[in-house]
Amino acid sequence: MFDVDYYEYIKALHLIFVITYFAGLFYIPRLMVYLVEANQRPENEANILIPQLQLMMRRLWKIITVPSAILGIIFALWMLGIKPFLLTKSWMLIKLIFVGLLVAYHIKTYLLYKEFLRGTFRHSATFFRFWNEGATLILFAVVFLAILKNSAHWLFGLFGLVGLALLLVLGIRLYKRLRTTKQ
């Protein structure tokens, strides 16, 4: 009666959980920026802000980020189980390299997260503004590879990523300059 292509449903679920995963990866470093800045506030303010930000960070990591990552991986593996020939495509292999970088980014973010929960503030707010853009660069690479399914223009894509990274660096520096001139 209905010609159902389950692959498309699995792909949709994969995409939904990748989006929620990235939402967590984008917001965790932002909370780290706020924690560093809260730590520099007067003690009475810091004593209120830091526990609240740590609670927000814990909830975000445990309720959204990690479950979304797990479900995104499950649906990705399911898709590859349905269409294993995709592993022979060069664009997919390059995409999986970026996914590997994403896993490394996730692990390092987790280690930073654990430091913040212990009250350790080793890096500046500017560091975390830059750190926050790591997920952005990976997201751009993965989306373009997945949509265009073309690794032949990887050099063009690499230059595009470098250009995006430079724009992000300039934006962060401009923001920092504007903030310091306002104070």
N, C-alpha and C. Protein backbone atom coordinates (compact mmCIF):
# COMPACT_ATOMS: atom_id res chain seq x y z
N MET A 1 0.82 -1.18 0.00
CA MET A 1 0.00 0.00 0.00
C MET A 1 0.88 1.26 0.00
N PHE A 2 1.83 1.39 0.96
CA PHE A 2 2.73 2.53 1.01
C PHE A 2 4.14 2.05 0.70
N ASP A 3 4.83 2.82 -0.11
CA ASP A 3 6.23 2.53 -0.38
C ASP A 3 7.06 3.36 0.59
N VAL A 4 7.43 2.77 1.70
CA VAL A 4 8.13 3.49 2.76
C VAL A 4 9.63 3.27 2.60
N ASP A 5 10.36 4.37 2.55
CA ASP A 5 11.81 4.30 2.51
C ASP A 5 12.32 4.63 3.92
N TYR A 6 12.57 3.59 4.70
CA TYR A 6 12.97 3.79 6.09
C TYR A 6 14.29 4.55 6.21
N TYR A 7 15.13 4.43 5.21
CA TYR A 7 16.41 5.13 5.23
C TYR A 7 16.20 6.63 5.43
N GLU A 8 15.24 7.21 4.76
CA GLU A 8 14.99 8.65 4.87
C GLU A 8 14.53 9.03 6.28
N TYR A 9 13.77 8.16 6.93
CA TYR A 9 13.36 8.42 8.31
C TYR A 9 14.56 8.36 9.26
N ILE A 10 15.41 7.37 9.03
CA ILE A 10 16.62 7.24 9.85
C ILE A 10 17.51 8.46 9.63
N LYS A 11 17.63 8.89 8.40
CA LYS A 11 18.44 10.07 8.07
C LYS A 11 17.87 11.32 8.77
N ALA A 12 16.55 11.47 8.75
CA ALA A 12 15.92 12.61 9.41
C ALA A 12 16.19 12.59 10.92
N LEU A 13 16.08 11.43 11.54
CA LEU A 13 16.36 11.33 12.97
C LEU A 13 17.84 11.61 13.26
N HIS A 14 18.71 11.10 12.40
CA HIS A 14 20.14 11.39 12.55
C HIS A 14 20.37 12.90 12.52
N LEU A 15 19.78 13.57 11.56
CA LEU A 15 19.97 15.00 11.41
C LEU A 15 19.41 15.76 12.63
N ILE A 16 18.26 15.36 13.11
CA ILE A 16 17.67 16.02 14.29
C ILE A 16 18.62 15.92 15.48
N PHE A 17 19.18 14.73 15.72
CA PHE A 17 20.05 14.58 16.88
C PHE A 17 21.41 15.23 16.68
N VAL A 18 21.88 15.31 15.44
CA VAL A 18 23.11 16.05 15.18
C VAL A 18 22.89 17.54 15.46
N ILE A 19 21.73 18.05 15.08
CA ILE A 19 21.42 19.47 15.35
C ILE A 19 21.38 19.73 16.86
N THR A 20 20.70 18.88 17.61
CA THR A 20 20.63 19.11 19.06
C THR A 20 21.99 18.90 19.71
N TYR A 21 22.79 17.98 19.16
CA TYR A 21 24.15 17.78 19.66
C TYR A 21 24.98 19.05 19.47
N PHE A 22 24.92 19.62 18.27
CA PHE A 22 25.68 20.84 18.03
C PHE A 22 25.16 22.00 18.87
N ALA A 23 23.87 22.03 19.14
CA ALA A 23 23.35 23.07 20.02
C ALA A 23 24.07 23.01 21.37
N GLY A 24 24.23 21.79 21.89
CA GLY A 24 24.96 21.62 23.14
C GLY A 24 26.42 22.02 23.01
N LEU A 25 27.06 21.59 21.89
CA LEU A 25 28.47 21.92 21.70
C LEU A 25 28.70 23.42 21.52
N PHE A 26 27.71 24.11 20.98
CA PHE A 26 27.84 25.56 20.84
C PHE A 26 27.64 26.28 22.17
N TYR A 27 26.75 25.76 23.01
CA TYR A 27 26.42 26.48 24.23
C TYR A 27 27.36 26.16 25.40
N ILE A 28 27.91 24.97 25.44
CA ILE A 28 28.83 24.62 26.54
C ILE A 28 30.01 25.60 26.61
N PRO A 29 30.73 25.86 25.50
CA PRO A 29 31.84 26.83 25.60
C PRO A 29 31.35 28.25 25.94
N ARG A 30 30.13 28.59 25.52
CA ARG A 30 29.58 29.89 25.88
C ARG A 30 29.39 29.96 27.39
N LEU A 31 28.90 28.88 27.99
CA LEU A 31 28.78 28.84 29.46
C LEU A 31 30.16 28.92 30.11
N MET A 32 31.17 28.35 29.46
CA MET A 32 32.54 28.43 29.98
C MET A 32 33.02 29.88 29.97
N VAL A 33 32.68 30.62 28.92
CA VAL A 33 33.01 32.05 28.88
C VAL A 33 32.37 32.75 30.08
N TYR A 34 31.09 32.47 30.30
CA TYR A 34 30.37 33.11 31.40
C TYR A 34 30.95 32.72 32.76
N LEU A 35 31.39 31.46 32.88
CA LEU A 35 31.98 31.03 34.15
C LEU A 35 33.31 31.74 34.41
N VAL A 36 34.14 31.88 33.39
CA VAL A 36 35.40 32.60 33.56
C VAL A 36 35.11 34.04 33.97
N GLU A 37 34.16 34.66 33.31
CA GLU A 37 33.81 36.05 33.64
C GLU A 37 33.19 36.15 35.03
N ALA A 38 32.38 35.17 35.42
CA ALA A 38 31.78 35.17 36.76
C ALA A 38 32.86 35.03 37.83
N ASN A 39 33.88 34.25 37.54
CA ASN A 39 34.98 34.04 38.48
C ASN A 39 35.76 35.34 38.72
N GLN A 40 35.67 36.28 37.81
CA GLN A 40 36.38 37.56 37.93
C GLN A 40 35.52 38.63 38.60
N ARG A 41 34.29 38.29 38.92
CA ARG A 41 33.38 39.23 39.58
C ARG A 41 33.71 39.30 41.08
N PRO A 42 33.16 40.27 41.78
CA PRO A 42 33.32 40.30 43.25
C PRO A 42 32.81 38.98 43.85
N GLU A 43 33.39 38.61 44.97
CA GLU A 43 33.13 37.29 45.56
C GLU A 43 31.64 37.02 45.79
N ASN A 44 30.90 38.00 46.29
CA ASN A 44 29.48 37.76 46.56
C ASN A 44 28.71 37.46 45.27
N GLU A 45 29.07 38.11 44.17
CA GLU A 45 28.43 37.82 42.89
C GLU A 45 28.87 36.46 42.35
N ALA A 46 30.17 36.19 42.42
CA ALA A 46 30.71 34.91 41.93
C ALA A 46 30.08 33.74 42.66
N ASN A 47 29.85 33.90 43.98
CA ASN A 47 29.27 32.81 44.77
C ASN A 47 27.84 32.47 44.34
N ILE A 48 27.18 33.41 43.70
CA ILE A 48 25.82 33.17 43.19
C ILE A 48 25.88 32.66 41.75
N LEU A 49 26.68 33.33 40.93
CA LEU A 49 26.71 33.02 39.50
C LEU A 49 27.34 31.66 39.19
N ILE A 50 28.47 31.35 39.80
CA ILE A 50 29.22 30.14 39.44
C ILE A 50 28.40 28.87 39.68
N PRO A 51 27.78 28.67 40.86
CA PRO A 51 26.99 27.44 41.02
C PRO A 51 25.83 27.34 40.02
N GLN A 52 25.20 28.47 39.72
CA GLN A 52 24.09 28.45 38.76
C GLN A 52 24.58 28.08 37.36
N LEU A 53 25.69 28.67 36.94
CA LEU A 53 26.25 28.34 35.62
C LEU A 53 26.74 26.90 35.56
N GLN A 54 27.31 26.40 36.65
CA GLN A 54 27.73 25.00 36.69
C GLN A 54 26.53 24.06 36.58
N LEU A 55 25.44 24.42 37.23
CA LEU A 55 24.21 23.62 37.14
C LEU A 55 23.69 23.61 35.71
N MET A 56 23.66 24.77 35.07
CA MET A 56 23.21 24.86 33.68
C MET A 56 24.10 24.01 32.78
N MET A 57 25.41 24.09 33.01
CA MET A 57 26.36 23.32 32.21
C MET A 57 26.14 21.82 32.39
N ARG A 58 25.97 21.39 33.63
CA ARG A 58 25.75 19.97 33.93
C ARG A 58 24.49 19.46 33.24
N ARG A 59 23.41 20.22 33.35
CA ARG A 59 22.15 19.81 32.73
C ARG A 59 22.27 19.76 31.20
N LEU A 60 22.90 20.77 30.64
CA LEU A 60 23.07 20.80 29.19
C LEU A 60 23.87 19.60 28.71
N TRP A 61 24.96 19.29 29.39
CA TRP A 61 25.83 18.19 28.97
C TRP A 61 25.13 16.84 29.11
N LYS A 62 24.51 16.63 30.29
CA LYS A 62 23.94 15.31 30.57
C LYS A 62 22.56 15.07 29.94
N ILE A 63 21.79 16.12 29.74
CA ILE A 63 20.41 15.94 29.26
C ILE A 63 20.29 16.16 27.75
N ILE A 64 21.14 17.03 27.18
CA ILE A 64 21.01 17.33 25.76
C ILE A 64 22.23 16.86 24.95
N THR A 65 23.41 17.31 25.33
CA THR A 65 24.59 17.09 24.48
C THR A 65 24.94 15.62 24.34
N VAL A 66 25.19 14.94 25.43
CA VAL A 66 25.62 13.54 25.36
C VAL A 66 24.53 12.61 24.80
N PRO A 67 23.27 12.70 25.27
CA PRO A 67 22.25 11.84 24.66
C PRO A 67 22.08 12.09 23.17
N SER A 68 22.17 13.35 22.74
CA SER A 68 22.05 13.66 21.32
C SER A 68 23.21 13.08 20.53
N ALA A 69 24.41 13.13 21.10
CA ALA A 69 25.58 12.54 20.43
C ALA A 69 25.39 11.03 20.26
N ILE A 70 24.94 10.38 21.31
CA ILE A 70 24.74 8.93 21.26
C ILE A 70 23.68 8.57 20.22
N LEU A 71 22.55 9.27 20.24
CA LEU A 71 21.49 8.97 19.27
C LEU A 71 21.92 9.31 17.85
N GLY A 72 22.66 10.41 17.68
CA GLY A 72 23.18 10.76 16.35
C GLY A 72 24.09 9.66 15.81
N ILE A 73 24.93 9.11 16.67
CA ILE A 73 25.84 8.02 16.25
C ILE A 73 25.05 6.76 15.93
N ILE A 74 24.07 6.43 16.75
CA ILE A 74 23.25 5.24 16.50
C ILE A 74 22.59 5.33 15.14
N PHE A 75 21.97 6.47 14.85
CA PHE A 75 21.29 6.62 13.56
C PHE A 75 22.28 6.68 12.40
N ALA A 76 23.47 7.24 12.62
CA ALA A 76 24.49 7.25 11.57
C ALA A 76 24.93 5.82 11.24
N LEU A 77 25.17 5.02 12.28
CA LEU A 77 25.57 3.63 12.06
C LEU A 77 24.46 2.83 11.39
N TRP A 78 23.24 3.13 11.76
CA TRP A 78 22.08 2.46 11.16
C TRP A 78 22.03 2.79 9.66
N MET A 79 22.25 4.07 9.32
CA MET A 79 22.26 4.46 7.90
C MET A 79 23.37 3.74 7.14
N LEU A 80 24.56 3.66 7.76
CA LEU A 80 25.66 2.95 7.10
C LEU A 80 25.39 1.46 7.00
N GLY A 81 24.62 0.93 7.94
CA GLY A 81 24.22 -0.48 7.86
C GLY A 81 23.27 -0.72 6.69
N ILE A 82 22.42 0.25 6.41
CA ILE A 82 21.48 0.14 5.30
C ILE A 82 22.20 0.35 3.97
N LYS A 83 23.13 1.30 3.94
CA LYS A 83 23.86 1.64 2.71
C LYS A 83 25.36 1.60 2.96
N PRO A 84 25.93 0.40 3.16
CA PRO A 84 27.36 0.31 3.47
C PRO A 84 28.27 0.78 2.32
N PHE A 85 27.75 0.79 1.11
CA PHE A 85 28.56 1.23 -0.03
C PHE A 85 29.00 2.69 0.10
N LEU A 86 28.32 3.46 0.97
CA LEU A 86 28.72 4.85 1.18
C LEU A 86 30.15 4.96 1.72
N LEU A 87 30.60 3.89 2.39
CA LEU A 87 31.97 3.90 2.92
C LEU A 87 33.02 3.83 1.83
N THR A 88 32.61 3.55 0.60
CA THR A 88 33.55 3.53 -0.52
C THR A 88 33.65 4.89 -1.20
N LYS A 89 32.83 5.83 -0.80
CA LYS A 89 32.82 7.16 -1.41
C LYS A 89 33.85 8.06 -0.73
N SER A 90 34.64 8.74 -1.53
CA SER A 90 35.71 9.57 -0.95
C SER A 90 35.14 10.71 -0.09
N TRP A 91 34.01 11.29 -0.50
CA TRP A 91 33.43 12.37 0.30
C TRP A 91 33.05 11.86 1.69
N MET A 92 32.57 10.61 1.76
CA MET A 92 32.17 10.05 3.06
C MET A 92 33.40 9.81 3.94
N LEU A 93 34.47 9.35 3.34
CA LEU A 93 35.70 9.11 4.12
C LEU A 93 36.25 10.43 4.66
N ILE A 94 36.21 11.48 3.85
CA ILE A 94 36.66 12.79 4.33
C ILE A 94 35.72 13.29 5.43
N LYS A 95 34.42 13.09 5.24
CA LYS A 95 33.44 13.49 6.25
C LYS A 95 33.72 12.77 7.56
N LEU A 96 34.04 11.48 7.48
CA LEU A 96 34.33 10.71 8.70
C LEU A 96 35.60 11.19 9.38
N ILE A 97 36.55 11.73 8.63
CA ILE A 97 37.73 12.34 9.25
C ILE A 97 37.30 13.54 10.10
N PHE A 98 36.40 14.36 9.54
CA PHE A 98 35.89 15.50 10.30
C PHE A 98 35.07 15.03 11.50
N VAL A 99 34.34 13.95 11.35
CA VAL A 99 33.59 13.39 12.49
C VAL A 99 34.59 12.94 13.57
N GLY A 100 35.71 12.38 13.15
CA GLY A 100 36.77 12.02 14.11
C GLY A 100 37.29 13.25 14.84
N LEU A 101 37.47 14.35 14.11
CA LEU A 101 37.88 15.60 14.75
C LEU A 101 36.81 16.08 15.72
N LEU A 102 35.56 15.88 15.34
CA LEU A 102 34.45 16.26 16.23
C LEU A 102 34.48 15.44 17.52
N VAL A 103 34.78 14.17 17.41
CA VAL A 103 34.90 13.32 18.61
C VAL A 103 36.03 13.82 19.49
N ALA A 104 37.16 14.18 18.88
CA ALA A 104 38.28 14.72 19.66
C ALA A 104 37.89 16.04 20.32
N TYR A 105 37.18 16.89 19.60
CA TYR A 105 36.68 18.16 20.14
C TYR A 105 35.74 17.88 21.32
N HIS A 106 34.87 16.90 21.16
CA HIS A 106 33.92 16.53 22.21
C HIS A 106 34.67 16.08 23.47
N ILE A 107 35.67 15.23 23.29
CA ILE A 107 36.43 14.72 24.43
C ILE A 107 37.15 15.86 25.15
N LYS A 108 37.80 16.74 24.39
CA LYS A 108 38.50 17.87 25.03
C LYS A 108 37.50 18.79 25.73
N THR A 109 36.35 19.02 25.10
CA THR A 109 35.31 19.85 25.73
C THR A 109 34.84 19.20 27.03
N TYR A 110 34.72 17.88 27.03
CA TYR A 110 34.32 17.16 28.24
C TYR A 110 35.37 17.37 29.35
N LEU A 111 36.64 17.29 29.00
CA LEU A 111 37.70 17.49 30.00
C LEU A 111 37.66 18.91 30.56
N LEU A 112 37.40 19.89 29.69
CA LEU A 112 37.26 21.27 30.15
C LEU A 112 36.02 21.41 31.05
N TYR A 113 34.94 20.77 30.65
CA TYR A 113 33.69 20.76 31.43
C TYR A 113 33.95 20.23 32.84
N LYS A 114 34.69 19.12 32.94
CA LYS A 114 34.98 18.54 34.26
C LYS A 114 35.82 19.51 35.10
N GLU A 115 36.75 20.22 34.48
CA GLU A 115 37.54 21.22 35.21
C GLU A 115 36.63 22.31 35.78
N PHE A 116 35.70 22.78 34.98
CA PHE A 116 34.80 23.84 35.44
C PHE A 116 33.93 23.36 36.59
N LEU A 117 33.51 22.11 36.54
CA LEU A 117 32.69 21.60 37.64
C LEU A 117 33.50 21.50 38.93
N ARG A 118 34.82 21.34 38.80
CA ARG A 118 35.70 21.32 39.98
C ARG A 118 36.09 22.74 40.42
N GLY A 119 35.68 23.76 39.63
CA GLY A 119 36.01 25.13 39.98
C GLY A 119 37.37 25.57 39.47
N THR A 120 37.91 24.86 38.49
CA THR A 120 39.21 25.22 37.92
C THR A 120 39.00 26.10 36.69
N PHE A 121 39.70 27.24 36.69
CA PHE A 121 39.58 28.20 35.59
C PHE A 121 40.97 28.46 35.03
N ARG A 122 41.41 27.60 34.12
CA ARG A 122 42.79 27.69 33.59
C ARG A 122 42.91 28.59 32.36
N HIS A 123 41.81 28.84 31.66
CA HIS A 123 41.87 29.58 30.40
C HIS A 123 41.04 30.86 30.49
N SER A 124 41.31 31.75 29.56
CA SER A 124 40.60 33.03 29.54
C SER A 124 39.26 32.90 28.81
N ALA A 125 38.43 33.91 28.97
CA ALA A 125 37.15 33.95 28.24
C ALA A 125 37.41 34.01 26.74
N THR A 126 38.46 34.70 26.33
CA THR A 126 38.80 34.77 24.91
C THR A 126 39.16 33.39 24.38
N PHE A 127 39.89 32.60 25.15
CA PHE A 127 40.22 31.24 24.73
C PHE A 127 38.93 30.47 24.42
N PHE A 128 37.93 30.59 25.29
CA PHE A 128 36.69 29.83 25.09
C PHE A 128 35.85 30.40 23.95
N ARG A 129 36.01 31.68 23.67
CA ARG A 129 35.33 32.22 22.48
C ARG A 129 35.94 31.59 21.23
N PHE A 130 37.25 31.42 21.21
CA PHE A 130 37.90 30.74 20.09
C PHE A 130 37.53 29.25 20.08
N TRP A 131 37.56 28.64 21.25
CA TRP A 131 37.24 27.21 21.34
C TRP A 131 35.84 26.94 20.79
N ASN A 132 34.93 27.83 21.07
CA ASN A 132 33.55 27.69 20.63
C ASN A 132 33.45 27.57 19.11
N GLU A 133 34.39 28.16 18.38
CA GLU A 133 34.33 28.15 16.92
C GLU A 133 34.85 26.85 16.32
N GLY A 134 35.50 26.02 17.11
CA GLY A 134 35.96 24.72 16.60
C GLY A 134 34.79 23.88 16.07
N ALA A 135 33.72 23.85 16.84
CA ALA A 135 32.53 23.10 16.40
C ALA A 135 31.92 23.71 15.15
N THR A 136 31.99 25.03 15.03
CA THR A 136 31.46 25.71 13.85
C THR A 136 32.20 25.27 12.59
N LEU A 137 33.52 25.24 12.67
CA LEU A 137 34.32 24.84 11.51
C LEU A 137 34.03 23.39 11.10
N ILE A 138 33.94 22.52 12.08
CA ILE A 138 33.65 21.12 11.79
C ILE A 138 32.26 20.98 11.18
N LEU A 139 31.30 21.71 11.74
CA LEU A 139 29.94 21.67 11.21
C LEU A 139 29.90 22.08 9.74
N PHE A 140 30.57 23.17 9.41
CA PHE A 140 30.60 23.62 8.02
C PHE A 140 31.17 22.54 7.10
N ALA A 141 32.28 21.95 7.51
CA ALA A 141 32.91 20.93 6.68
C ALA A 141 31.99 19.74 6.47
N VAL A 142 31.40 19.24 7.54
CA VAL A 142 30.54 18.05 7.46
C VAL A 142 29.29 18.33 6.63
N VAL A 143 28.67 19.47 6.84
CA VAL A 143 27.44 19.77 6.10
C VAL A 143 27.73 19.91 4.61
N PHE A 144 28.78 20.63 4.26
CA PHE A 144 29.09 20.78 2.84
C PHE A 144 29.43 19.44 2.19
N LEU A 145 30.17 18.59 2.88
CA LEU A 145 30.47 17.27 2.33
C LEU A 145 29.22 16.42 2.19
N ALA A 146 28.35 16.46 3.20
CA ALA A 146 27.14 15.64 3.16
C ALA A 146 26.16 16.12 2.10
N ILE A 147 26.06 17.41 1.91
CA ILE A 147 25.10 17.94 0.94
C ILE A 147 25.65 17.87 -0.48
N LEU A 148 26.88 18.31 -0.67
CA LEU A 148 27.45 18.34 -2.02
C LEU A 148 27.96 16.97 -2.48
N LYS A 149 28.28 16.12 -1.49
CA LYS A 149 28.80 14.78 -1.79
C LYS A 149 29.92 14.84 -2.83
N ASN A 150 30.86 15.75 -2.56
CA ASN A 150 31.92 15.96 -3.52
C ASN A 150 33.22 16.22 -2.77
N SER A 151 34.15 15.34 -2.94
CA SER A 151 35.45 15.57 -2.32
C SER A 151 36.46 16.04 -3.35
N ALA A 152 36.05 16.12 -4.62
CA ALA A 152 36.97 16.54 -5.67
C ALA A 152 37.43 17.98 -5.46
N HIS A 153 36.59 18.77 -4.84
CA HIS A 153 36.94 20.17 -4.60
C HIS A 153 37.38 20.38 -3.15
N TRP A 154 38.04 19.41 -2.58
CA TRP A 154 38.44 19.50 -1.18
C TRP A 154 39.38 20.67 -0.94
N LEU A 155 40.22 21.00 -1.92
CA LEU A 155 41.14 22.11 -1.75
C LEU A 155 40.36 23.43 -1.65
N PHE A 156 39.35 23.59 -2.52
CA PHE A 156 38.49 24.77 -2.45
C PHE A 156 37.79 24.81 -1.09
N GLY A 157 37.29 23.67 -0.65
CA GLY A 157 36.64 23.59 0.65
C GLY A 157 37.58 23.93 1.79
N LEU A 158 38.83 23.45 1.68
CA LEU A 158 39.83 23.74 2.72
C LEU A 158 40.10 25.24 2.79
N PHE A 159 40.25 25.87 1.63
CA PHE A 159 40.45 27.32 1.62
C PHE A 159 39.23 28.04 2.19
N GLY A 160 38.04 27.51 1.88
CA GLY A 160 36.82 28.09 2.44
C GLY A 160 36.80 28.00 3.96
N LEU A 161 37.22 26.84 4.50
CA LEU A 161 37.27 26.68 5.96
C LEU A 161 38.30 27.61 6.59
N VAL A 162 39.46 27.73 5.95
CA VAL A 162 40.49 28.63 6.46
C VAL A 162 39.97 30.07 6.43
N GLY A 163 39.29 30.43 5.34
CA GLY A 163 38.70 31.76 5.25
C GLY A 163 37.67 32.00 6.34
N LEU A 164 36.82 31.00 6.58
CA LEU A 164 35.82 31.11 7.65
C LEU A 164 36.52 31.25 9.00
N ALA A 165 37.56 30.46 9.22
CA ALA A 165 38.29 30.54 10.48
C ALA A 165 38.88 31.94 10.67
N LEU A 166 39.44 32.51 9.62
CA LEU A 166 39.99 33.86 9.71
C LEU A 166 38.91 34.88 10.01
N LEU A 167 37.76 34.74 9.38
CA LEU A 167 36.64 35.65 9.67
C LEU A 167 36.19 35.53 11.12
N LEU A 168 36.15 34.30 11.62
CA LEU A 168 35.76 34.10 13.02
C LEU A 168 36.78 34.73 13.96
N VAL A 169 38.07 34.57 13.66
CA VAL A 169 39.12 35.17 14.49
C VAL A 169 38.98 36.69 14.48
N LEU A 170 38.80 37.25 13.29
CA LEU A 170 38.64 38.71 13.20
C LEU A 170 37.40 39.17 13.97
N GLY A 171 36.32 38.43 13.87
CA GLY A 171 35.10 38.78 14.59
C GLY A 171 35.30 38.75 16.09
N ILE A 172 35.98 37.73 16.58
CA ILE A 172 36.22 37.62 18.03
C ILE A 172 37.12 38.76 18.49
N ARG A 173 38.15 39.06 17.71
CA ARG A 173 39.06 40.15 18.10
C ARG A 173 38.36 41.50 18.06
N LEU A 174 37.52 41.71 17.05
CA LEU A 174 36.76 42.95 16.97
C LEU A 174 35.82 43.08 18.16
N TYR A 175 35.15 41.98 18.50
CA TYR A 175 34.25 41.99 19.66
C TYR A 175 35.02 42.32 20.94
N LYS A 176 36.19 41.73 21.10
CA LYS A 176 37.01 41.99 22.29
C LYS A 176 37.42 43.47 22.33
N ARG A 177 37.80 44.00 21.18
CA ARG A 177 38.21 45.41 21.12
C ARG A 177 37.03 46.31 21.48
N LEU A 178 35.85 46.00 20.94
CA LEU A 178 34.66 46.81 21.25
C LEU A 178 34.30 46.73 22.72
N ARG A 179 34.45 45.55 23.31
CA ARG A 179 34.14 45.40 24.74
C ARG A 179 35.10 46.18 25.60
N THR A 180 36.38 46.14 25.26
CA THR A 180 37.38 46.84 26.10
C THR A 180 37.27 48.33 25.95
N THR A 181 36.87 48.84 24.77
CA THR A 181 36.71 50.30 24.62
C THR A 181 35.48 50.80 25.34
N LYS A 182 34.45 49.97 25.52
CA LYS A 182 33.23 50.37 26.23
C LYS A 182 33.46 50.45 27.74
N GLN A 183 34.43 49.70 28.25
CA GLN A 183 34.65 49.65 29.70
C GLN A 183 35.50 50.75 30.14
